[in-house]
Amino acid sequence: MIELMLEAERALAVGLLDQAERLYAQVVAADPRNAIAIVGLARVALERDDQRGAYVLARRALVLDPDNPAASHLSRRMAEIMAGRGEIPPDDPGTPALQPRDGDQATARPTHADAPPDRAPAPGMLDRLLRRRR
């Protein structure tokens, strides 16, 4: 499984989107609960300018792994982009809410919107990828 994931990452890194998608899909077919491979599919969708598809896949990954930072960031960012265009992000009734529940405030991870203006979090890989898309 790890070999397929590494090959998919390499394919995505050099822009071989069809190959990356095929490899990530093979991993998901063998292990439907592999949130990392689903995030990989979301990244492929993002590279294809399919923000809605990236959002849906990132949300699917969050259902499987609510603590996945890449899926969380990607779903939030895609929701922001869609909202900025006046689109309503699709919500699956089985998908957890993006915002923390009342009791979760102490454990909620800060987002760029939550960060003080003078100390924004350092941009990660997804931030750099998404900024390139603007």
N, C-alpha and C. Protein backbone atom coordinates (compact mmCIF):
# COMPACT_ATOMS: atom_id res chain seq x y z
N MET A 1 0.82 -1.19 0.00
CA MET A 1 0.00 0.00 0.00
C MET A 1 0.87 1.27 0.00
N ILE A 2 1.92 1.24 0.81
CA ILE A 2 2.77 2.42 0.92
C ILE A 2 3.46 2.73 -0.41
N GLU A 3 3.79 1.69 -1.17
CA GLU A 3 4.43 1.90 -2.47
C GLU A 3 3.50 2.65 -3.41
N LEU A 4 2.22 2.26 -3.41
CA LEU A 4 1.24 2.94 -4.26
C LEU A 4 1.08 4.41 -3.84
N MET A 5 1.06 4.65 -2.53
CA MET A 5 0.93 6.02 -2.03
C MET A 5 2.14 6.86 -2.44
N LEU A 6 3.33 6.31 -2.31
CA LEU A 6 4.53 7.05 -2.70
C LEU A 6 4.56 7.32 -4.19
N GLU A 7 4.15 6.33 -4.97
CA GLU A 7 4.11 6.52 -6.42
C GLU A 7 3.07 7.59 -6.79
N ALA A 8 1.93 7.57 -6.10
CA ALA A 8 0.89 8.58 -6.35
C ALA A 8 1.40 9.97 -6.00
N GLU A 9 2.11 10.11 -4.89
CA GLU A 9 2.68 11.40 -4.50
C GLU A 9 3.66 11.90 -5.55
N ARG A 10 4.50 11.00 -6.03
CA ARG A 10 5.47 11.40 -7.06
C ARG A 10 4.76 11.84 -8.34
N ALA A 11 3.73 11.09 -8.72
CA ALA A 11 2.98 11.44 -9.93
C ALA A 11 2.31 12.80 -9.77
N LEU A 12 1.73 13.04 -8.63
CA LEU A 12 1.07 14.32 -8.37
C LEU A 12 2.09 15.46 -8.38
N ALA A 13 3.25 15.21 -7.81
CA ALA A 13 4.28 16.25 -7.72
C ALA A 13 4.77 16.70 -9.10
N VAL A 14 4.73 15.81 -10.08
CA VAL A 14 5.20 16.17 -11.42
C VAL A 14 4.05 16.43 -12.39
N GLY A 15 2.84 16.49 -11.86
CA GLY A 15 1.70 16.87 -12.68
C GLY A 15 1.04 15.75 -13.46
N LEU A 16 1.35 14.51 -13.15
CA LEU A 16 0.70 13.38 -13.82
C LEU A 16 -0.60 13.05 -13.08
N LEU A 17 -1.59 13.90 -13.31
CA LEU A 17 -2.83 13.84 -12.53
C LEU A 17 -3.61 12.55 -12.74
N ASP A 18 -3.71 12.09 -13.98
CA ASP A 18 -4.45 10.85 -14.23
C ASP A 18 -3.80 9.67 -13.51
N GLN A 19 -2.47 9.60 -13.57
CA GLN A 19 -1.76 8.51 -12.91
C GLN A 19 -1.92 8.62 -11.39
N ALA A 20 -1.77 9.82 -10.85
CA ALA A 20 -1.93 10.01 -9.40
C ALA A 20 -3.34 9.60 -8.97
N GLU A 21 -4.33 10.04 -9.72
CA GLU A 21 -5.71 9.70 -9.38
C GLU A 21 -5.93 8.19 -9.41
N ARG A 22 -5.41 7.54 -10.43
CA ARG A 22 -5.57 6.09 -10.55
C ARG A 22 -4.92 5.38 -9.35
N LEU A 23 -3.74 5.80 -8.97
CA LEU A 23 -3.04 5.16 -7.86
C LEU A 23 -3.74 5.41 -6.52
N TYR A 24 -4.15 6.66 -6.28
CA TYR A 24 -4.89 6.93 -5.04
C TYR A 24 -6.19 6.14 -5.01
N ALA A 25 -6.86 6.03 -6.16
CA ALA A 25 -8.12 5.28 -6.22
C ALA A 25 -7.89 3.79 -5.94
N GLN A 26 -6.75 3.26 -6.37
CA GLN A 26 -6.42 1.86 -6.07
C GLN A 26 -6.27 1.67 -4.56
N VAL A 27 -5.62 2.62 -3.92
CA VAL A 27 -5.44 2.52 -2.47
C VAL A 27 -6.80 2.58 -1.77
N VAL A 28 -7.65 3.51 -2.21
CA VAL A 28 -8.98 3.65 -1.59
C VAL A 28 -9.82 2.40 -1.84
N ALA A 29 -9.71 1.81 -3.02
CA ALA A 29 -10.46 0.59 -3.32
C ALA A 29 -10.02 -0.55 -2.39
N ALA A 30 -8.72 -0.63 -2.11
CA ALA A 30 -8.21 -1.67 -1.22
C ALA A 30 -8.48 -1.35 0.25
N ASP A 31 -8.51 -0.07 0.59
CA ASP A 31 -8.71 0.36 1.98
C ASP A 31 -9.60 1.61 1.99
N PRO A 32 -10.92 1.43 1.97
CA PRO A 32 -11.84 2.57 1.89
C PRO A 32 -11.73 3.56 3.05
N ARG A 33 -11.05 3.16 4.13
CA ARG A 33 -10.91 4.06 5.29
C ARG A 33 -9.58 4.80 5.29
N ASN A 34 -8.86 4.76 4.18
CA ASN A 34 -7.56 5.43 4.10
C ASN A 34 -7.78 6.92 3.80
N ALA A 35 -7.85 7.71 4.86
CA ALA A 35 -8.11 9.14 4.73
C ALA A 35 -6.99 9.86 3.99
N ILE A 36 -5.77 9.37 4.10
CA ILE A 36 -4.65 10.02 3.43
C ILE A 36 -4.79 9.90 1.91
N ALA A 37 -5.21 8.72 1.44
CA ALA A 37 -5.41 8.53 0.00
C ALA A 37 -6.58 9.37 -0.49
N ILE A 38 -7.61 9.52 0.33
CA ILE A 38 -8.76 10.35 -0.05
C ILE A 38 -8.34 11.81 -0.14
N VAL A 39 -7.49 12.26 0.77
CA VAL A 39 -6.95 13.62 0.68
C VAL A 39 -6.11 13.75 -0.60
N GLY A 40 -5.40 12.70 -0.97
CA GLY A 40 -4.66 12.71 -2.23
C GLY A 40 -5.59 12.91 -3.41
N LEU A 41 -6.74 12.23 -3.40
CA LEU A 41 -7.73 12.43 -4.46
C LEU A 41 -8.26 13.87 -4.45
N ALA A 42 -8.42 14.43 -3.25
CA ALA A 42 -8.87 15.82 -3.14
C ALA A 42 -7.83 16.76 -3.73
N ARG A 43 -6.56 16.48 -3.50
CA ARG A 43 -5.50 17.31 -4.06
C ARG A 43 -5.48 17.21 -5.59
N VAL A 44 -5.75 16.02 -6.12
CA VAL A 44 -5.85 15.86 -7.58
C VAL A 44 -7.00 16.73 -8.10
N ALA A 45 -8.14 16.67 -7.41
CA ALA A 45 -9.29 17.48 -7.82
C ALA A 45 -8.93 18.96 -7.79
N LEU A 46 -8.22 19.38 -6.77
CA LEU A 46 -7.81 20.78 -6.66
C LEU A 46 -6.89 21.17 -7.82
N GLU A 47 -5.97 20.30 -8.17
CA GLU A 47 -5.07 20.57 -9.30
C GLU A 47 -5.86 20.71 -10.60
N ARG A 48 -7.01 20.08 -10.66
CA ARG A 48 -7.87 20.16 -11.86
C ARG A 48 -8.86 21.31 -11.75
N ASP A 49 -8.67 22.18 -10.79
CA ASP A 49 -9.55 23.33 -10.55
C ASP A 49 -10.97 22.91 -10.20
N ASP A 50 -11.12 21.78 -9.57
CA ASP A 50 -12.43 21.29 -9.12
C ASP A 50 -12.52 21.50 -7.61
N GLN A 51 -12.78 22.76 -7.21
CA GLN A 51 -12.84 23.05 -5.78
C GLN A 51 -13.96 22.31 -5.08
N ARG A 52 -15.09 22.18 -5.74
CA ARG A 52 -16.22 21.47 -5.14
C ARG A 52 -15.86 20.00 -4.91
N GLY A 53 -15.23 19.37 -5.89
CA GLY A 53 -14.80 17.98 -5.73
C GLY A 53 -13.76 17.82 -4.63
N ALA A 54 -12.82 18.78 -4.58
CA ALA A 54 -11.80 18.75 -3.53
C ALA A 54 -12.45 18.89 -2.16
N TYR A 55 -13.44 19.76 -2.06
CA TYR A 55 -14.15 19.96 -0.79
C TYR A 55 -14.86 18.67 -0.36
N VAL A 56 -15.58 18.06 -1.28
CA VAL A 56 -16.34 16.84 -0.96
C VAL A 56 -15.39 15.73 -0.51
N LEU A 57 -14.29 15.57 -1.21
CA LEU A 57 -13.32 14.52 -0.84
C LEU A 57 -12.64 14.83 0.49
N ALA A 58 -12.30 16.09 0.73
CA ALA A 58 -11.68 16.46 2.00
C ALA A 58 -12.65 16.21 3.15
N ARG A 59 -13.92 16.51 2.94
CA ARG A 59 -14.93 16.25 3.98
C ARG A 59 -15.08 14.75 4.23
N ARG A 60 -15.00 13.97 3.16
CA ARG A 60 -15.07 12.51 3.29
C ARG A 60 -13.90 12.01 4.14
N ALA A 61 -12.71 12.56 3.90
CA ALA A 61 -11.54 12.18 4.69
C ALA A 61 -11.73 12.57 6.15
N LEU A 62 -12.36 13.72 6.40
CA LEU A 62 -12.60 14.15 7.79
C LEU A 62 -13.56 13.24 8.53
N VAL A 63 -14.50 12.66 7.82
CA VAL A 63 -15.41 11.69 8.46
C VAL A 63 -14.60 10.51 8.99
N LEU A 64 -13.63 10.08 8.20
CA LEU A 64 -12.81 8.94 8.60
C LEU A 64 -11.77 9.31 9.64
N ASP A 65 -11.21 10.50 9.52
CA ASP A 65 -10.15 10.95 10.43
C ASP A 65 -10.35 12.43 10.76
N PRO A 66 -11.16 12.71 11.78
CA PRO A 66 -11.48 14.10 12.13
C PRO A 66 -10.26 14.93 12.52
N ASP A 67 -9.15 14.29 12.84
CA ASP A 67 -7.95 15.02 13.25
C ASP A 67 -6.95 15.20 12.11
N ASN A 68 -7.36 14.90 10.89
CA ASN A 68 -6.46 15.03 9.74
C ASN A 68 -6.32 16.51 9.39
N PRO A 69 -5.15 17.10 9.65
CA PRO A 69 -5.00 18.55 9.42
C PRO A 69 -5.09 18.94 7.95
N ALA A 70 -4.60 18.11 7.06
CA ALA A 70 -4.66 18.44 5.63
C ALA A 70 -6.11 18.46 5.15
N ALA A 71 -6.88 17.47 5.55
CA ALA A 71 -8.29 17.41 5.17
C ALA A 71 -9.07 18.58 5.77
N SER A 72 -8.78 18.90 7.01
CA SER A 72 -9.46 20.00 7.68
C SER A 72 -9.16 21.33 6.99
N HIS A 73 -7.89 21.57 6.73
CA HIS A 73 -7.51 22.83 6.10
C HIS A 73 -8.09 22.92 4.69
N LEU A 74 -7.98 21.85 3.93
CA LEU A 74 -8.45 21.86 2.55
C LEU A 74 -9.97 22.07 2.50
N SER A 75 -10.71 21.41 3.37
CA SER A 75 -12.17 21.59 3.34
C SER A 75 -12.56 23.01 3.75
N ARG A 76 -11.89 23.56 4.74
CA ARG A 76 -12.18 24.93 5.16
C ARG A 76 -11.85 25.92 4.04
N ARG A 77 -10.69 25.74 3.42
CA ARG A 77 -10.28 26.68 2.37
C ARG A 77 -11.19 26.60 1.16
N MET A 78 -11.58 25.39 0.78
CA MET A 78 -12.48 25.24 -0.37
C MET A 78 -13.85 25.85 -0.05
N ALA A 79 -14.31 25.69 1.19
CA ALA A 79 -15.58 26.30 1.60
C ALA A 79 -15.48 27.82 1.52
N GLU A 80 -14.35 28.38 1.94
CA GLU A 80 -14.15 29.83 1.86
C GLU A 80 -14.18 30.30 0.40
N ILE A 81 -13.48 29.59 -0.45
CA ILE A 81 -13.43 29.96 -1.87
C ILE A 81 -14.82 29.91 -2.49
N MET A 82 -15.55 28.82 -2.21
CA MET A 82 -16.90 28.68 -2.78
C MET A 82 -17.82 29.76 -2.23
N ALA A 83 -17.71 30.04 -0.94
CA ALA A 83 -18.55 31.08 -0.34
C ALA A 83 -18.22 32.44 -0.94
N GLY A 84 -16.95 32.68 -1.23
CA GLY A 84 -16.54 33.94 -1.86
C GLY A 84 -17.14 34.12 -3.24
N ARG A 85 -17.45 33.03 -3.90
CA ARG A 85 -18.11 33.10 -5.21
C ARG A 85 -19.62 33.05 -5.09
N GLY A 86 -20.11 33.00 -3.86
CA GLY A 86 -21.56 32.96 -3.65
C GLY A 86 -22.14 31.56 -3.75
N GLU A 87 -21.29 30.54 -3.79
CA GLU A 87 -21.75 29.15 -3.84
C GLU A 87 -21.93 28.61 -2.44
N ILE A 88 -22.86 27.73 -2.30
CA ILE A 88 -23.06 27.05 -1.02
C ILE A 88 -22.32 25.72 -1.10
N PRO A 89 -21.36 25.48 -0.21
CA PRO A 89 -20.65 24.20 -0.23
C PRO A 89 -21.61 23.04 0.01
N PRO A 90 -21.45 21.96 -0.72
CA PRO A 90 -22.34 20.81 -0.51
C PRO A 90 -22.07 20.21 0.85
N ASP A 91 -23.12 19.88 1.56
CA ASP A 91 -22.95 19.23 2.86
C ASP A 91 -23.61 17.87 2.83
N ASP A 92 -22.84 16.91 3.24
CA ASP A 92 -23.33 15.55 3.36
C ASP A 92 -23.86 15.41 4.78
N PRO A 93 -25.08 14.92 4.97
CA PRO A 93 -25.61 14.80 6.32
C PRO A 93 -24.73 13.97 7.24
N GLY A 94 -23.93 13.07 6.71
CA GLY A 94 -23.07 12.24 7.54
C GLY A 94 -21.73 12.87 7.85
N THR A 95 -21.50 14.08 7.38
CA THR A 95 -20.21 14.74 7.56
C THR A 95 -20.25 15.63 8.79
N PRO A 96 -19.21 15.58 9.62
CA PRO A 96 -19.19 16.44 10.80
C PRO A 96 -19.08 17.91 10.40
N ALA A 97 -19.57 18.77 11.27
CA ALA A 97 -19.51 20.21 11.02
C ALA A 97 -18.07 20.68 10.99
N LEU A 98 -17.82 21.72 10.21
CA LEU A 98 -16.48 22.27 10.15
C LEU A 98 -16.12 23.02 11.42
N GLN A 99 -17.07 23.66 12.03
CA GLN A 99 -16.81 24.43 13.23
C GLN A 99 -16.85 23.52 14.45
N PRO A 100 -16.00 23.79 15.46
CA PRO A 100 -16.02 22.96 16.66
C PRO A 100 -17.34 23.14 17.41
N ARG A 101 -17.74 22.08 18.09
CA ARG A 101 -18.94 22.17 18.92
C ARG A 101 -18.61 22.97 20.18
N ASP A 102 -19.64 23.37 20.94
CA ASP A 102 -19.44 24.21 22.11
C ASP A 102 -18.41 23.63 23.08
N GLY A 103 -18.47 22.34 23.34
CA GLY A 103 -17.55 21.72 24.29
C GLY A 103 -16.15 21.53 23.74
N ASP A 104 -15.96 21.75 22.44
CA ASP A 104 -14.67 21.50 21.82
C ASP A 104 -13.79 22.74 21.73
N GLN A 105 -14.21 23.86 22.24
CA GLN A 105 -13.46 25.09 22.07
C GLN A 105 -12.03 24.99 22.59
N ALA A 106 -11.83 24.30 23.69
CA ALA A 106 -10.48 24.23 24.27
C ALA A 106 -9.53 23.41 23.41
N THR A 107 -10.06 22.45 22.64
CA THR A 107 -9.19 21.59 21.85
C THR A 107 -9.18 21.97 20.38
N ALA A 108 -9.94 23.00 20.02
CA ALA A 108 -9.99 23.38 18.61
C ALA A 108 -8.63 23.93 18.17
N ARG A 109 -8.19 23.48 17.00
CA ARG A 109 -6.93 23.98 16.47
C ARG A 109 -7.16 25.35 15.85
N PRO A 110 -6.21 26.26 16.01
CA PRO A 110 -6.38 27.58 15.41
C PRO A 110 -6.30 27.49 13.88
N THR A 111 -7.08 28.32 13.24
CA THR A 111 -7.01 28.43 11.79
C THR A 111 -6.44 29.80 11.47
N HIS A 112 -6.20 30.05 10.19
CA HIS A 112 -5.69 31.36 9.81
C HIS A 112 -6.64 32.47 10.24
N ALA A 113 -7.94 32.21 10.18
CA ALA A 113 -8.91 33.22 10.57
C ALA A 113 -8.86 33.46 12.08
N ASP A 114 -8.49 32.43 12.86
CA ASP A 114 -8.45 32.56 14.31
C ASP A 114 -7.16 33.19 14.81
N ALA A 115 -6.13 33.22 13.99
CA ALA A 115 -4.82 33.69 14.43
C ALA A 115 -4.82 35.21 14.58
N PRO A 116 -4.09 35.70 15.57
CA PRO A 116 -3.97 37.15 15.70
C PRO A 116 -3.30 37.71 14.44
N PRO A 117 -3.66 38.93 14.03
CA PRO A 117 -3.14 39.48 12.80
C PRO A 117 -1.62 39.57 12.76
N ASP A 118 -0.97 39.77 13.91
CA ASP A 118 0.48 39.92 13.91
C ASP A 118 1.21 38.58 13.98
N ARG A 119 0.49 37.47 14.21
CA ARG A 119 1.14 36.17 14.31
C ARG A 119 0.35 35.11 13.57
N ALA A 120 0.25 35.24 12.29
CA ALA A 120 -0.43 34.22 11.49
C ALA A 120 0.42 32.96 11.46
N PRO A 121 -0.21 31.78 11.44
CA PRO A 121 0.55 30.55 11.38
C PRO A 121 1.41 30.51 10.11
N ALA A 122 2.53 29.84 10.21
CA ALA A 122 3.40 29.69 9.04
C ALA A 122 2.68 28.87 7.98
N PRO A 123 2.79 29.27 6.73
CA PRO A 123 2.09 28.53 5.68
C PRO A 123 2.67 27.14 5.50
N GLY A 124 1.78 26.17 5.35
CA GLY A 124 2.18 24.80 5.09
C GLY A 124 2.10 24.51 3.61
N MET A 125 2.27 23.25 3.26
CA MET A 125 2.26 22.86 1.86
C MET A 125 0.93 23.19 1.20
N LEU A 126 -0.19 22.88 1.86
CA LEU A 126 -1.49 23.17 1.26
C LEU A 126 -1.71 24.66 1.10
N ASP A 127 -1.24 25.44 2.07
CA ASP A 127 -1.36 26.90 1.95
C ASP A 127 -0.65 27.38 0.70
N ARG A 128 0.56 26.88 0.49
CA ARG A 128 1.32 27.28 -0.69
C ARG A 128 0.62 26.84 -1.97
N LEU A 129 0.07 25.63 -1.97
CA LEU A 129 -0.64 25.14 -3.15
C LEU A 129 -1.89 25.99 -3.42
N LEU A 130 -2.63 26.27 -2.36
CA LEU A 130 -3.87 27.02 -2.54
C LEU A 130 -3.59 28.46 -2.92
N ARG A 131 -2.55 29.04 -2.38
CA ARG A 131 -2.21 30.42 -2.73
C ARG A 131 -1.86 30.51 -4.21
N ARG A 132 -1.22 29.45 -4.73
CA ARG A 132 -0.86 29.42 -6.15
C ARG A 132 -2.11 29.44 -7.02
N ARG A 133 -3.22 28.95 -6.54
CA ARG A 133 -4.45 28.85 -7.29
C ARG A 133 -5.19 30.17 -7.40
N ARG A 134 -4.92 31.12 -6.55
CA ARG A 134 -5.68 32.37 -6.53
C ARG A 134 -5.49 33.17 -7.76
